[in-house]
Amino acid sequence: MPYYCLECGGSLFYDQELKCYVCKSCGLTFTIQQLLDSNEKRLIKEKNEEEKRKRQKEYLKWWTSKKV
């Protein structure tokens, strides 16, 4: 699974000396734990946004059905 920089979106490579991921674009370094935590937060955010869109659709469907 490719990882991307949390700041600039550049691709990361693993530096064995530093034992962390380094961005090819901006040079920032990340541990695997930082990348996994960021990915987990992103997945939770996407799930919450999807649930919000679903509730909005259901409400709109309900609202329009009452107006007819």
PDB file of N, CA and C in Angstrom:
ATOM      1  N   MET A   1       0.848  -1.181   0.000  1.00  0.00           N
ATOM      2  CA  MET A   1       0.000   0.000   0.000  1.00  0.00           C
ATOM      3  C   MET A   1       0.889   1.238   0.000  1.00  0.00           C
ATOM      4  N   PRO A   2       0.761   2.067  -1.019  1.00  0.00           N
ATOM      5  CA  PRO A   2       1.590   3.273  -1.057  1.00  0.00           C
ATOM      6  C   PRO A   2       1.102   4.298  -0.038  1.00  0.00           C
ATOM      7  N   TYR A   3       2.029   5.000   0.553  1.00  0.00           N
ATOM      8  CA  TYR A   3       1.705   6.049   1.508  1.00  0.00           C
ATOM      9  C   TYR A   3       2.024   7.393   0.877  1.00  0.00           C
ATOM     10  N   TYR A   4       1.269   8.404   1.316  1.00  0.00           N
ATOM     11  CA  TYR A   4       1.458   9.757   0.802  1.00  0.00           C
ATOM     12  C   TYR A   4       1.682  10.711   1.961  1.00  0.00           C
ATOM     13  N   CYS A   5       2.433  11.754   1.707  1.00  0.00           N
ATOM     14  CA  CYS A   5       2.773  12.745   2.716  1.00  0.00           C
ATOM     15  C   CYS A   5       1.510  13.396   3.268  1.00  0.00           C
ATOM     16  N   LEU A   6       1.475  13.551   4.587  1.00  0.00           N
ATOM     17  CA  LEU A   6       0.321  14.151   5.239  1.00  0.00           C
ATOM     18  C   LEU A   6       0.271  15.664   5.030  1.00  0.00           C
ATOM     19  N   GLU A   7       1.383  16.261   4.630  1.00  0.00           N
ATOM     20  CA  GLU A   7       1.442  17.707   4.425  1.00  0.00           C
ATOM     21  C   GLU A   7       1.261  18.101   2.965  1.00  0.00           C
ATOM     22  N   CYS A   8       2.061  17.502   2.080  1.00  0.00           N
ATOM     23  CA  CYS A   8       2.042  17.951   0.681  1.00  0.00           C
ATOM     24  C   CYS A   8       1.432  16.943  -0.281  1.00  0.00           C
ATOM     25  N   GLY A   9       1.210  15.714   0.174  1.00  0.00           N
ATOM     26  CA  GLY A   9       0.628  14.696  -0.692  1.00  0.00           C
ATOM     27  C   GLY A   9       1.637  13.971  -1.568  1.00  0.00           C
ATOM     28  N   GLY A  10       2.918  14.281  -1.391  1.00  0.00           N
ATOM     29  CA  GLY A  10       3.961  13.620  -2.168  1.00  0.00           C
ATOM     30  C   GLY A  10       4.120  12.156  -1.779  1.00  0.00           C
ATOM     31  N   SER A  11       4.772  11.400  -2.635  1.00  0.00           N
ATOM     32  CA  SER A  11       4.960   9.977  -2.335  1.00  0.00           C
ATOM     33  C   SER A  11       6.068   9.805  -1.285  1.00  0.00           C
ATOM     34  N   LEU A  12       5.935   8.746  -0.509  1.00  0.00           N
ATOM     35  CA  LEU A  12       6.882   8.466   0.562  1.00  0.00           C
ATOM     36  C   LEU A  12       7.723   7.242   0.223  1.00  0.00           C
ATOM     37  N   PHE A  13       8.932   7.226   0.719  1.00  0.00           N
ATOM     38  CA  PHE A  13       9.767   6.028   0.622  1.00  0.00           C
ATOM     39  C   PHE A  13      10.286   5.702   2.016  1.00  0.00           C
ATOM     40  N   TYR A  14      10.581   4.428   2.243  1.00  0.00           N
ATOM     41  CA  TYR A  14      11.051   3.994   3.558  1.00  0.00           C
ATOM     42  C   TYR A  14      12.557   4.127   3.638  1.00  0.00           C
ATOM     43  N   ASP A  15      13.026   4.864   4.631  1.00  0.00           N
ATOM     44  CA  ASP A  15      14.457   5.024   4.876  1.00  0.00           C
ATOM     45  C   ASP A  15      14.857   4.044   5.974  1.00  0.00           C
ATOM     46  N   GLN A  16      15.670   3.060   5.632  1.00  0.00           N
ATOM     47  CA  GLN A  16      16.040   2.013   6.588  1.00  0.00           C
ATOM     48  C   GLN A  16      16.933   2.543   7.705  1.00  0.00           C
ATOM     49  N   GLU A  17      17.754   3.537   7.427  1.00  0.00           N
ATOM     50  CA  GLU A  17      18.608   4.116   8.468  1.00  0.00           C
ATOM     51  C   GLU A  17      17.767   4.841   9.525  1.00  0.00           C
ATOM     52  N   LEU A  18      16.814   5.642   9.066  1.00  0.00           N
ATOM     53  CA  LEU A  18      15.960   6.396   9.987  1.00  0.00           C
ATOM     54  C   LEU A  18      14.817   5.549  10.547  1.00  0.00           C
ATOM     55  N   LYS A  19      14.517   4.452   9.856  1.00  0.00           N
ATOM     56  CA  LYS A  19      13.402   3.579  10.208  1.00  0.00           C
ATOM     57  C   LYS A  19      12.071   4.340  10.232  1.00  0.00           C
ATOM     58  N   CYS A  20      11.899   5.133   9.186  1.00  0.00           N
ATOM     59  CA  CYS A  20      10.644   5.859   9.023  1.00  0.00           C
ATOM     60  C   CYS A  20      10.468   6.193   7.539  1.00  0.00           C
ATOM     61  N   TYR A  21       9.308   6.728   7.225  1.00  0.00           N
ATOM     62  CA  TYR A  21       8.994   7.105   5.852  1.00  0.00           C
ATOM     63  C   TYR A  21       9.360   8.556   5.633  1.00  0.00           C
ATOM     64  N   VAL A  22       9.932   8.845   4.467  1.00  0.00           N
ATOM     65  CA  VAL A  22      10.370  10.195   4.127  1.00  0.00           C
ATOM     66  C   VAL A  22       9.673  10.620   2.843  1.00  0.00           C
ATOM     67  N   CYS A  23       9.177  11.855   2.850  1.00  0.00           N
ATOM     68  CA  CYS A  23       8.511  12.400   1.662  1.00  0.00           C
ATOM     69  C   CYS A  23       9.557  12.775   0.618  1.00  0.00           C
ATOM     70  N   LYS A  24       9.311  12.366  -0.622  1.00  0.00           N
ATOM     71  CA  LYS A  24      10.226  12.690  -1.715  1.00  0.00           C
ATOM     72  C   LYS A  24      10.136  14.157  -2.102  1.00  0.00           C
ATOM     73  N   SER A  25       8.994  14.803  -1.822  1.00  0.00           N
ATOM     74  CA  SER A  25       8.800  16.196  -2.223  1.00  0.00           C
ATOM     75  C   SER A  25       9.308  17.189  -1.186  1.00  0.00           C
ATOM     76  N   CYS A  26       8.821  17.053   0.069  1.00  0.00           N
ATOM     77  CA  CYS A  26       9.142  18.076   1.072  1.00  0.00           C
ATOM     78  C   CYS A  26      10.130  17.610   2.137  1.00  0.00           C
ATOM     79  N   GLY A  27      10.419  16.309   2.199  1.00  0.00           N
ATOM     80  CA  GLY A  27      11.420  15.813   3.130  1.00  0.00           C
ATOM     81  C   GLY A  27      10.928  15.513   4.537  1.00  0.00           C
ATOM     82  N   LEU A  28       9.645  15.698   4.824  1.00  0.00           N
ATOM     83  CA  LEU A  28       9.127  15.372   6.147  1.00  0.00           C
ATOM     84  C   LEU A  28       9.218  13.871   6.394  1.00  0.00           C
ATOM     85  N   THR A  29       9.369  13.508   7.663  1.00  0.00           N
ATOM     86  CA  THR A  29       9.456  12.099   8.016  1.00  0.00           C
ATOM     87  C   THR A  29       8.249  11.699   8.864  1.00  0.00           C
ATOM     88  N   PHE A  30       7.820  10.449   8.690  1.00  0.00           N
ATOM     89  CA  PHE A  30       6.674   9.912   9.410  1.00  0.00           C
ATOM     90  C   PHE A  30       6.967   8.493   9.850  1.00  0.00           C
ATOM     91  N   THR A  31       6.525   8.168  11.053  1.00  0.00           N
ATOM     92  CA  THR A  31       6.613   6.783  11.496  1.00  0.00           C
ATOM     93  C   THR A  31       5.423   6.030  10.917  1.00  0.00           C
ATOM     94  N   ILE A  32       5.508   4.727  10.919  1.00  0.00           N
ATOM     95  CA  ILE A  32       4.396   3.929  10.412  1.00  0.00           C
ATOM     96  C   ILE A  32       3.155   4.169  11.266  1.00  0.00           C
ATOM     97  N   GLN A  33       3.343   4.375  12.568  1.00  0.00           N
ATOM     98  CA  GLN A  33       2.202   4.612  13.459  1.00  0.00           C
ATOM     99  C   GLN A  33       1.497   5.916  13.107  1.00  0.00           C
ATOM    100  N   GLN A  34       2.241   6.960  12.782  1.00  0.00           N
ATOM    101  CA  GLN A  34       1.635   8.224  12.371  1.00  0.00           C
ATOM    102  C   GLN A  34       0.809   8.040  11.101  1.00  0.00           C
ATOM    103  N   LEU A  35       1.332   7.276  10.157  1.00  0.00           N
ATOM    104  CA  LEU A  35       0.615   7.044   8.906  1.00  0.00           C
ATOM    105  C   LEU A  35      -0.649   6.215   9.137  1.00  0.00           C
ATOM    106  N   LEU A  36      -0.557   5.199   9.985  1.00  0.00           N
ATOM    107  CA  LEU A  36      -1.722   4.362  10.277  1.00  0.00           C
ATOM    108  C   LEU A  36      -2.794   5.155  11.021  1.00  0.00           C
ATOM    109  N   ASP A  37      -2.380   5.979  11.988  1.00  0.00           N
ATOM    110  CA  ASP A  37      -3.338   6.807  12.726  1.00  0.00           C
ATOM    111  C   ASP A  37      -4.050   7.787  11.796  1.00  0.00           C
ATOM    112  N   SER A  38      -3.289   8.389  10.892  1.00  0.00           N
ATOM    113  CA  SER A  38      -3.870   9.333   9.939  1.00  0.00           C
ATOM    114  C   SER A  38      -4.868   8.626   9.026  1.00  0.00           C
ATOM    115  N   ASN A  39      -4.516   7.430   8.577  1.00  0.00           N
ATOM    116  CA  ASN A  39      -5.404   6.666   7.703  1.00  0.00           C
ATOM    117  C   ASN A  39      -6.694   6.298   8.441  1.00  0.00           C
ATOM    118  N   GLU A  40      -6.569   5.906   9.706  1.00  0.00           N
ATOM    119  CA  GLU A  40      -7.747   5.546  10.499  1.00  0.00           C
ATOM    120  C   GLU A  40      -8.669   6.753  10.695  1.00  0.00           C
ATOM    121  N   LYS A  41      -8.084   7.918  10.984  1.00  0.00           N
ATOM    122  CA  LYS A  41      -8.878   9.137  11.146  1.00  0.00           C
ATOM    123  C   LYS A  41      -9.604   9.487   9.848  1.00  0.00           C
ATOM    124  N   ARG A  42      -8.923   9.314   8.730  1.00  0.00           N
ATOM    125  CA  ARG A  42      -9.524   9.613   7.429  1.00  0.00           C
ATOM    126  C   ARG A  42     -10.704   8.683   7.154  1.00  0.00           C
ATOM    127  N   LEU A  43     -10.544   7.400   7.473  1.00  0.00           N
ATOM    128  CA  LEU A  43     -11.624   6.437   7.259  1.00  0.00           C
ATOM    129  C   LEU A  43     -12.831   6.750   8.133  1.00  0.00           C
ATOM    130  N   ILE A  44     -12.593   7.137   9.380  1.00  0.00           N
ATOM    131  CA  ILE A  44     -13.685   7.504  10.281  1.00  0.00           C
ATOM    132  C   ILE A  44     -14.400   8.741   9.755  1.00  0.00           C
ATOM    133  N   LYS A  45     -13.649   9.715   9.285  1.00  0.00           N
ATOM    134  CA  LYS A  45     -14.235  10.947   8.741  1.00  0.00           C
ATOM    135  C   LYS A  45     -15.082  10.638   7.508  1.00  0.00           C
ATOM    136  N   GLU A  46     -14.568   9.789   6.612  1.00  0.00           N
ATOM    137  CA  GLU A  46     -15.318   9.419   5.416  1.00  0.00           C
ATOM    138  C   GLU A  46     -16.605   8.684   5.785  1.00  0.00           C
ATOM    139  N   LYS A  47     -16.544   7.812   6.778  1.00  0.00           N
ATOM    140  CA  LYS A  47     -17.730   7.078   7.213  1.00  0.00           C
ATOM    141  C   LYS A  47     -18.771   8.039   7.772  1.00  0.00           C
ATOM    142  N   ASN A  48     -18.337   8.998   8.593  1.00  0.00           N
ATOM    143  CA  ASN A  48     -19.256   9.985   9.154  1.00  0.00           C
ATOM    144  C   ASN A  48     -19.888  10.845   8.074  1.00  0.00           C
ATOM    145  N   GLU A  49     -19.101  11.234   7.071  1.00  0.00           N
ATOM    146  CA  GLU A  49     -19.630  12.038   5.972  1.00  0.00           C
ATOM    147  C   GLU A  49     -20.648  11.241   5.158  1.00  0.00           C
ATOM    148  N   GLU A  50     -20.370   9.965   4.946  1.00  0.00           N
ATOM    149  CA  GLU A  50     -21.297   9.108   4.201  1.00  0.00           C
ATOM    150  C   GLU A  50     -22.614   8.961   4.967  1.00  0.00           C
ATOM    151  N   GLU A  51     -22.537   8.773   6.272  1.00  0.00           N
ATOM    152  CA  GLU A  51     -23.753   8.668   7.086  1.00  0.00           C
ATOM    153  C   GLU A  51     -24.547   9.971   7.047  1.00  0.00           C
ATOM    154  N   LYS A  52     -23.854  11.091   7.069  1.00  0.00           N
ATOM    155  CA  LYS A  52     -24.521  12.393   6.998  1.00  0.00           C
ATOM    156  C   LYS A  52     -25.242  12.556   5.656  1.00  0.00           C
ATOM    157  N   ARG A  53     -24.586  12.176   4.559  1.00  0.00           N
ATOM    158  CA  ARG A  53     -25.225  12.258   3.235  1.00  0.00           C
ATOM    159  C   ARG A  53     -26.450  11.352   3.171  1.00  0.00           C
ATOM    160  N   LYS A  54     -26.339  10.167   3.782  1.00  0.00           N
ATOM    161  CA  LYS A  54     -27.456   9.232   3.784  1.00  0.00           C
ATOM    162  C   LYS A  54     -28.646   9.824   4.549  1.00  0.00           C
ATOM    163  N   ARG A  55     -28.387  10.405   5.723  1.00  0.00           N
ATOM    164  CA  ARG A  55     -29.464  11.036   6.500  1.00  0.00           C
ATOM    165  C   ARG A  55     -30.084  12.186   5.732  1.00  0.00           C
ATOM    166  N   GLN A  56     -29.279  12.982   5.035  1.00  0.00           N
ATOM    167  CA  GLN A  56     -29.792  14.101   4.249  1.00  0.00           C
ATOM    168  C   GLN A  56     -30.696  13.603   3.121  1.00  0.00           C
ATOM    169  N   LYS A  57     -30.275  12.522   2.449  1.00  0.00           N
ATOM    170  CA  LYS A  57     -31.100  11.951   1.381  1.00  0.00           C
ATOM    171  C   LYS A  57     -32.423  11.441   1.922  1.00  0.00           C
ATOM    172  N   GLU A  58     -32.358  10.729   3.057  1.00  0.00           N
ATOM    173  CA  GLU A  58     -33.578  10.194   3.657  1.00  0.00           C
ATOM    174  C   GLU A  58     -34.510  11.325   4.071  1.00  0.00           C
ATOM    175  N   TYR A  59     -33.985  12.392   4.643  1.00  0.00           N
ATOM    176  CA  TYR A  59     -34.801  13.523   5.050  1.00  0.00           C
ATOM    177  C   TYR A  59     -35.420  14.202   3.836  1.00  0.00           C
ATOM    178  N   LEU A  60     -34.635  14.393   2.800  1.00  0.00           N
ATOM    179  CA  LEU A  60     -35.152  15.021   1.591  1.00  0.00           C
ATOM    180  C   LEU A  60     -36.266  14.181   0.987  1.00  0.00           C
ATOM    181  N   LYS A  61     -36.076  12.876   0.952  1.00  0.00           N
ATOM    182  CA  LYS A  61     -37.111  11.976   0.431  1.00  0.00           C
ATOM    183  C   LYS A  61     -38.377  12.095   1.285  1.00  0.00           C
ATOM    184  N   TRP A  62     -38.223  12.114   2.594  1.00  0.00           N
ATOM    185  CA  TRP A  62     -39.356  12.270   3.481  1.00  0.00           C
ATOM    186  C   TRP A  62     -40.045  13.607   3.264  1.00  0.00           C
ATOM    187  N   TRP A  63     -39.258  14.665   3.175  1.00  0.00           N
ATOM    188  CA  TRP A  63     -39.795  16.023   3.036  1.00  0.00           C
ATOM    189  C   TRP A  63     -40.573  16.171   1.723  1.00  0.00           C
ATOM    190  N   THR A  64     -40.015  15.670   0.646  1.00  0.00           N
ATOM    191  CA  THR A  64     -40.715  15.793  -0.646  1.00  0.00           C
ATOM    192  C   THR A  64     -41.944  14.910  -0.713  1.00  0.00           C
ATOM    193  N   SER A  65     -41.941  13.795  -0.032  1.00  0.00           N
ATOM    194  CA  SER A  65     -43.126  12.921  -0.060  1.00  0.00           C
ATOM    195  C   SER A  65     -44.290  13.540   0.693  1.00  0.00           C
ATOM    196  N   LYS A  66     -44.048  14.374   1.670  1.00  0.00           N
ATOM    197  CA  LYS A  66     -45.108  15.021   2.436  1.00  0.00           C
ATOM    198  C   LYS A  66     -45.707  16.210   1.706  1.00  0.00           C
ATOM    199  N   LYS A  67     -45.008  16.766   0.753  1.00  0.00           N
ATOM    200  CA  LYS A  67     -45.460  17.960   0.034  1.00  0.00           C
ATOM    201  C   LYS A  67     -46.408  17.640  -1.120  1.00  0.00           C
ATOM    202  N   VAL A  68     -46.457  16.421  -1.556  1.00  0.00           N
ATOM    203  CA  VAL A  68     -47.271  16.068  -2.729  1.00  0.00           C
ATOM    204  C   VAL A  68     -48.701  15.864  -2.365  1.00  0.00           C
TER     205      VAL A  68
END
